[in-house]
């Protein structure tokens, strides 16, 4: 029997769609502070400020890499490490 000819109930089930979201919600030392700040100033404004802070931090990492002569691959590694540390500490809650 071809796939098209199989009865509807015999078709394999698809896995449910994965929801995008923050797996670190409520985890980390600074998570409660981040959640309170987000609730006070609002999600939209909070995300704007967080984006600016992340951009500034990336610039600092880039300037540091220029100073020590690190290549772009090492710079990317440092930025990834900063993101992982921010997740663990709860800054991305």
N, C-alpha and C. Protein backbone atom coordinates (compact mmCIF):
# COMPACT_ATOMS: atom_id res chain seq x y z
N UNK A 1 0.85 -1.18 0.00
CA UNK A 1 0.00 0.00 0.00
C UNK A 1 0.90 1.24 0.00
N UNK A 2 0.63 2.16 -0.87
CA UNK A 2 1.44 3.38 -0.94
C UNK A 2 1.08 4.31 0.20
N UNK A 3 1.93 5.27 0.43
CA UNK A 3 1.71 6.23 1.52
C UNK A 3 0.40 6.98 1.32
N UNK A 4 0.12 7.36 0.08
CA UNK A 4 -1.09 8.12 -0.20
C UNK A 4 -2.35 7.28 -0.01
N UNK A 5 -2.22 5.95 -0.20
CA UNK A 5 -3.39 5.09 -0.12
C UNK A 5 -3.66 4.59 1.31
N UNK A 6 -2.71 4.79 2.22
CA UNK A 6 -2.92 4.33 3.59
C UNK A 6 -4.06 5.10 4.24
N UNK A 7 -4.81 4.43 5.08
CA UNK A 7 -5.85 5.16 5.82
C UNK A 7 -5.21 6.21 6.72
N UNK A 8 -5.92 7.28 6.99
CA UNK A 8 -5.41 8.39 7.79
C UNK A 8 -4.87 7.93 9.13
N UNK A 9 -5.53 6.99 9.77
CA UNK A 9 -5.09 6.54 11.09
C UNK A 9 -3.78 5.77 11.04
N UNK A 10 -3.37 5.28 9.87
CA UNK A 10 -2.15 4.50 9.76
C UNK A 10 -0.93 5.37 9.46
N UNK A 11 -1.12 6.63 9.20
CA UNK A 11 0.00 7.52 8.92
C UNK A 11 0.80 7.75 10.20
N UNK A 12 2.11 7.85 10.06
CA UNK A 12 2.92 8.09 11.26
C UNK A 12 2.61 9.47 11.85
N UNK A 13 2.65 9.55 13.14
CA UNK A 13 2.39 10.80 13.83
C UNK A 13 3.62 11.69 13.79
N UNK A 14 3.41 12.95 13.63
CA UNK A 14 4.51 13.90 13.68
C UNK A 14 4.79 14.23 15.14
N UNK A 15 6.04 14.55 15.42
CA UNK A 15 6.36 14.98 16.77
C UNK A 15 5.79 16.39 16.95
N UNK A 16 5.36 16.72 18.15
CA UNK A 16 4.79 18.05 18.36
C UNK A 16 5.83 19.13 18.09
N UNK A 17 5.36 20.27 17.61
CA UNK A 17 6.26 21.38 17.33
C UNK A 17 6.91 21.84 18.62
N UNK A 18 8.20 22.09 18.55
CA UNK A 18 8.92 22.56 19.73
C UNK A 18 8.66 24.05 19.90
N UNK A 19 8.41 24.44 21.11
CA UNK A 19 8.16 25.83 21.41
C UNK A 19 9.48 26.54 21.66
N UNK A 20 9.63 27.68 21.04
CA UNK A 20 10.80 28.48 21.31
C UNK A 20 10.53 29.24 22.60
N UNK A 21 11.49 29.28 23.44
CA UNK A 21 11.32 29.98 24.69
C UNK A 21 12.61 29.92 25.47
N UNK A 22 12.59 30.52 26.62
CA UNK A 22 13.77 30.56 27.45
C UNK A 22 13.76 29.38 28.40
N UNK A 23 14.70 28.48 28.21
CA UNK A 23 14.79 27.32 29.09
C UNK A 23 15.36 27.68 30.45
N UNK A 24 15.89 28.89 30.57
CA UNK A 24 16.51 29.33 31.81
C UNK A 24 15.59 30.20 32.67
N UNK A 25 14.33 30.24 32.33
CA UNK A 25 13.39 31.07 33.09
C UNK A 25 13.42 30.66 34.56
N UNK A 26 13.78 31.58 35.41
CA UNK A 26 13.78 31.32 36.85
C UNK A 26 15.02 30.64 37.37
N UNK A 27 16.01 30.39 36.52
CA UNK A 27 17.24 29.73 36.95
C UNK A 27 18.36 30.75 37.01
N UNK A 28 19.23 30.59 37.97
CA UNK A 28 20.40 31.44 38.07
C UNK A 28 20.28 32.45 39.19
N UNK A 29 21.41 32.90 39.63
CA UNK A 29 21.50 33.82 40.76
C UNK A 29 20.76 35.13 40.50
N UNK A 30 20.85 35.66 39.30
CA UNK A 30 20.27 36.96 39.00
C UNK A 30 18.88 36.89 38.37
N UNK A 31 18.37 35.70 38.14
CA UNK A 31 17.08 35.53 37.48
C UNK A 31 15.94 36.27 38.18
N UNK A 32 15.81 36.19 39.50
CA UNK A 32 14.71 36.92 40.14
C UNK A 32 14.79 38.44 39.91
N UNK A 33 16.00 38.97 39.97
CA UNK A 33 16.19 40.41 39.73
C UNK A 33 15.82 40.77 38.30
N UNK A 34 16.20 39.93 37.34
CA UNK A 34 15.89 40.16 35.94
C UNK A 34 14.38 40.13 35.72
N UNK A 35 13.71 39.16 36.32
CA UNK A 35 12.25 39.03 36.16
C UNK A 35 11.54 40.25 36.75
N UNK A 36 11.97 40.69 37.93
CA UNK A 36 11.35 41.87 38.57
C UNK A 36 11.56 43.11 37.70
N UNK A 37 12.78 43.29 37.22
CA UNK A 37 13.07 44.45 36.36
C UNK A 37 12.22 44.42 35.11
N UNK A 38 12.09 43.24 34.50
CA UNK A 38 11.28 43.11 33.29
C UNK A 38 9.81 43.44 33.57
N UNK A 39 9.32 43.02 34.74
CA UNK A 39 7.93 43.31 35.09
C UNK A 39 7.70 44.79 35.38
N UNK A 40 8.69 45.45 35.93
CA UNK A 40 8.56 46.87 36.27
C UNK A 40 8.59 47.75 35.02
N UNK A 41 9.57 47.53 34.15
CA UNK A 41 9.72 48.43 33.00
C UNK A 41 9.02 47.94 31.75
N UNK A 42 8.51 46.73 31.77
CA UNK A 42 7.80 46.20 30.61
C UNK A 42 8.72 45.40 29.70
N UNK A 43 8.15 44.39 29.09
CA UNK A 43 8.94 43.45 28.28
C UNK A 43 9.61 44.12 27.08
N UNK A 44 8.89 44.99 26.38
CA UNK A 44 9.45 45.62 25.18
C UNK A 44 10.66 46.50 25.54
N UNK A 45 10.50 47.37 26.51
CA UNK A 45 11.60 48.26 26.92
C UNK A 45 12.76 47.45 27.50
N UNK A 46 12.42 46.43 28.28
CA UNK A 46 13.44 45.57 28.87
C UNK A 46 14.29 44.90 27.79
N UNK A 47 13.63 44.36 26.76
CA UNK A 47 14.35 43.70 25.68
C UNK A 47 15.22 44.67 24.89
N UNK A 48 14.76 45.92 24.76
CA UNK A 48 15.58 46.93 24.09
C UNK A 48 16.85 47.20 24.90
N UNK A 49 16.68 47.37 26.22
CA UNK A 49 17.84 47.63 27.07
C UNK A 49 18.78 46.43 27.09
N UNK A 50 18.22 45.23 27.16
CA UNK A 50 19.06 44.04 27.17
C UNK A 50 19.84 43.93 25.87
N UNK A 51 19.20 44.23 24.74
CA UNK A 51 19.88 44.19 23.45
C UNK A 51 21.04 45.17 23.39
N UNK A 52 20.84 46.37 23.94
CA UNK A 52 21.91 47.37 23.97
C UNK A 52 23.07 46.90 24.85
N UNK A 53 22.73 46.30 26.00
CA UNK A 53 23.77 45.81 26.91
C UNK A 53 24.57 44.68 26.26
N UNK A 54 23.89 43.79 25.57
CA UNK A 54 24.57 42.68 24.90
C UNK A 54 25.48 43.22 23.80
N UNK A 55 25.00 44.21 23.04
CA UNK A 55 25.80 44.81 21.98
C UNK A 55 27.06 45.48 22.55
N UNK A 56 26.89 46.22 23.65
CA UNK A 56 28.05 46.87 24.28
C UNK A 56 29.04 45.83 24.79
N UNK A 57 28.54 44.76 25.38
CA UNK A 57 29.42 43.71 25.89
C UNK A 57 30.19 43.06 24.75
N UNK A 58 29.53 42.83 23.63
CA UNK A 58 30.20 42.26 22.46
C UNK A 58 31.29 43.20 21.94
N UNK A 59 31.02 44.51 21.98
CA UNK A 59 32.03 45.48 21.56
C UNK A 59 33.25 45.44 22.47
N UNK A 60 33.01 45.30 23.77
CA UNK A 60 34.11 45.22 24.73
C UNK A 60 34.95 43.97 24.44
N UNK A 61 34.29 42.86 24.19
CA UNK A 61 35.00 41.62 23.87
C UNK A 61 35.81 41.80 22.59
N UNK A 62 35.22 42.45 21.57
CA UNK A 62 35.91 42.68 20.30
C UNK A 62 37.15 43.54 20.51
N UNK A 63 37.01 44.62 21.27
CA UNK A 63 38.17 45.49 21.54
C UNK A 63 39.25 44.74 22.33
N UNK A 64 38.84 43.91 23.27
CA UNK A 64 39.79 43.10 24.03
C UNK A 64 40.56 42.18 23.09
N UNK A 65 39.84 41.54 22.17
CA UNK A 65 40.48 40.63 21.22
C UNK A 65 41.46 41.37 20.31
N UNK A 66 41.11 42.58 19.92
CA UNK A 66 42.03 43.39 19.10
C UNK A 66 43.29 43.70 19.90
N UNK A 67 43.11 44.02 21.18
CA UNK A 67 44.24 44.38 22.03
C UNK A 67 45.21 43.22 22.20
N UNK A 68 44.70 42.03 22.39
CA UNK A 68 45.57 40.88 22.63
C UNK A 68 45.94 40.14 21.35
N UNK A 69 45.37 40.55 20.21
CA UNK A 69 45.69 39.94 18.93
C UNK A 69 44.98 38.62 18.66
N UNK A 70 43.81 38.43 19.27
CA UNK A 70 43.04 37.20 19.04
C UNK A 70 42.33 37.29 17.70
N UNK A 71 42.20 36.15 17.03
CA UNK A 71 41.51 36.14 15.74
C UNK A 71 39.99 36.07 15.93
N UNK A 72 39.27 36.13 14.81
CA UNK A 72 37.81 36.19 14.88
C UNK A 72 37.20 34.91 15.45
N UNK A 73 37.84 33.77 15.23
CA UNK A 73 37.33 32.52 15.77
C UNK A 73 37.41 32.52 17.30
N UNK A 74 38.50 33.03 17.83
CA UNK A 74 38.64 33.14 19.29
C UNK A 74 37.64 34.15 19.85
N UNK A 75 37.42 35.24 19.10
CA UNK A 75 36.44 36.25 19.53
C UNK A 75 35.05 35.64 19.60
N UNK A 76 34.67 34.87 18.58
CA UNK A 76 33.37 34.21 18.58
C UNK A 76 33.24 33.26 19.75
N UNK A 77 34.32 32.56 20.07
CA UNK A 77 34.31 31.65 21.21
C UNK A 77 34.09 32.39 22.52
N UNK A 78 34.72 33.56 22.66
CA UNK A 78 34.53 34.36 23.87
C UNK A 78 33.10 34.88 23.98
N UNK A 79 32.53 35.29 22.86
CA UNK A 79 31.14 35.78 22.88
C UNK A 79 30.19 34.64 23.24
N UNK A 80 30.42 33.44 22.70
CA UNK A 80 29.59 32.28 23.06
C UNK A 80 29.73 31.96 24.55
N UNK A 81 30.95 32.04 25.05
CA UNK A 81 31.19 31.78 26.47
C UNK A 81 30.46 32.81 27.34
N UNK A 82 30.48 34.07 26.91
CA UNK A 82 29.77 35.11 27.66
C UNK A 82 28.27 34.82 27.68
N UNK A 83 27.73 34.35 26.56
CA UNK A 83 26.30 34.02 26.51
C UNK A 83 25.98 32.86 27.44
N UNK A 84 26.80 31.82 27.42
CA UNK A 84 26.58 30.67 28.31
C UNK A 84 26.65 31.09 29.77
N UNK A 85 27.61 31.93 30.10
CA UNK A 85 27.73 32.41 31.48
C UNK A 85 26.52 33.26 31.87
N UNK A 86 26.05 34.09 30.95
CA UNK A 86 24.86 34.89 31.22
C UNK A 86 23.63 34.04 31.45
N UNK A 87 23.52 32.95 30.70
CA UNK A 87 22.39 32.02 30.90
C UNK A 87 22.48 31.37 32.28
N UNK A 88 23.68 30.89 32.64
CA UNK A 88 23.85 30.21 33.92
C UNK A 88 23.57 31.14 35.10
N UNK A 89 23.98 32.40 34.95
CA UNK A 89 23.80 33.36 36.04
C UNK A 89 22.37 33.91 36.11
N UNK A 90 21.60 33.70 35.07
CA UNK A 90 20.22 34.15 35.08
C UNK A 90 19.97 35.49 34.42
N UNK A 91 20.98 36.03 33.73
CA UNK A 91 20.79 37.32 33.06
C UNK A 91 19.85 37.20 31.86
N UNK A 92 19.68 36.00 31.33
CA UNK A 92 18.82 35.81 30.17
C UNK A 92 17.49 35.20 30.56
N UNK A 93 17.11 35.36 31.82
CA UNK A 93 15.83 34.80 32.30
C UNK A 93 14.67 35.57 31.74
